[in-house]
């Protein structure tokens, strides 16, 4: 009965529930994250929106867009992208990156062209750095036993673990990129899809490459999350020691780590599907509806951020329960964290 109770309390859904509860406990930091995320999004959307208004407002392009039925919208945007490459840029590089169809690296030039295609690269790097710094603060709060909702403690943890979080963010990005090149793109060079007898053979080979990359990328991501959780629990800011500890923790439990990651990704997809299914729209006229739309959008972003951070919280609670009081804290710290209880006098 004891083993059964432990297994039940340590199941994947139980870890996620504790992680989501821990993320909701840091609601002040989540609100700050949502606000800063909105500012970053505005920095990307504003120039694109201005270019679209200059191109479409009171022009033949805009009239065609209003008159075009739904099946013809794709054709319209293809012609628009060809006529105004300064807005969207060359998207062929992104298409090749997704499909893995890269010949000699020439198609990657589209990633650094003008317009939205180029902005996405630098914006993604900025978001990675921004999210990495804040992840250090959340990891510190998840590893603490008290004051989880304190914004001051969150800021202190974010500043204290900023360097290690940035290093882990860089390692996560570069490691995932190397796994993509080695497990998804490189095997695609070993055969010519056009030389296969049936199209389903090429599709199965592409799905096999994608599955191989997804499995290894999920394990590596779980190791990075475990490294962040280890930093928050032990208050040790060494990124390489944290990564080695995270790798050891995940490689000792690969199936459980994959199950927890898959569970978190699946739950993260539910609100996205609901948003796409019931996507609210604004006609551009009623300003009251505009603010209602913006509030609904930010509430949706807040929920997504909470679900994303629940994965870090789940790994933190899982690691805390697995390691238990046997884990030694490297150095005492005045900030709230899980400390090893002192031994009784005379022991």
Foldseek 3Di string as FASTA:
>chain_A
DVVVVVCVCLALVNLLVQLLVLLVLQVVLLVVVLVVVVVLVCVLVVVLVVVCCVVQPPDPLVVCCVPDPPVCVVVSVVVVCVVCCQAAFDCQLVVCLVQLVADPNPSVVRCCTHHNSVVVVVSVVVVLLVVLLLLQLSLQLLQFPDPSRPPVSSVVRSVLQSVLSNVLSVCLVVVLVVLCVVQQNVVVVVDDCVPDPDNVVVVVVNVVSVVVSVLVSLLLVQLSLQLSNVCNAQVDNDNVVSSVVSNVVCVVPVVSSSVSSVVLVVVLVVLVVVCVVVPDDDPPPDVVVVVVNVVVVSVSVSVSVSSVSSSSSSSNVSVCVVCDLVDARPDDDPRGGDHRDDDDPPD
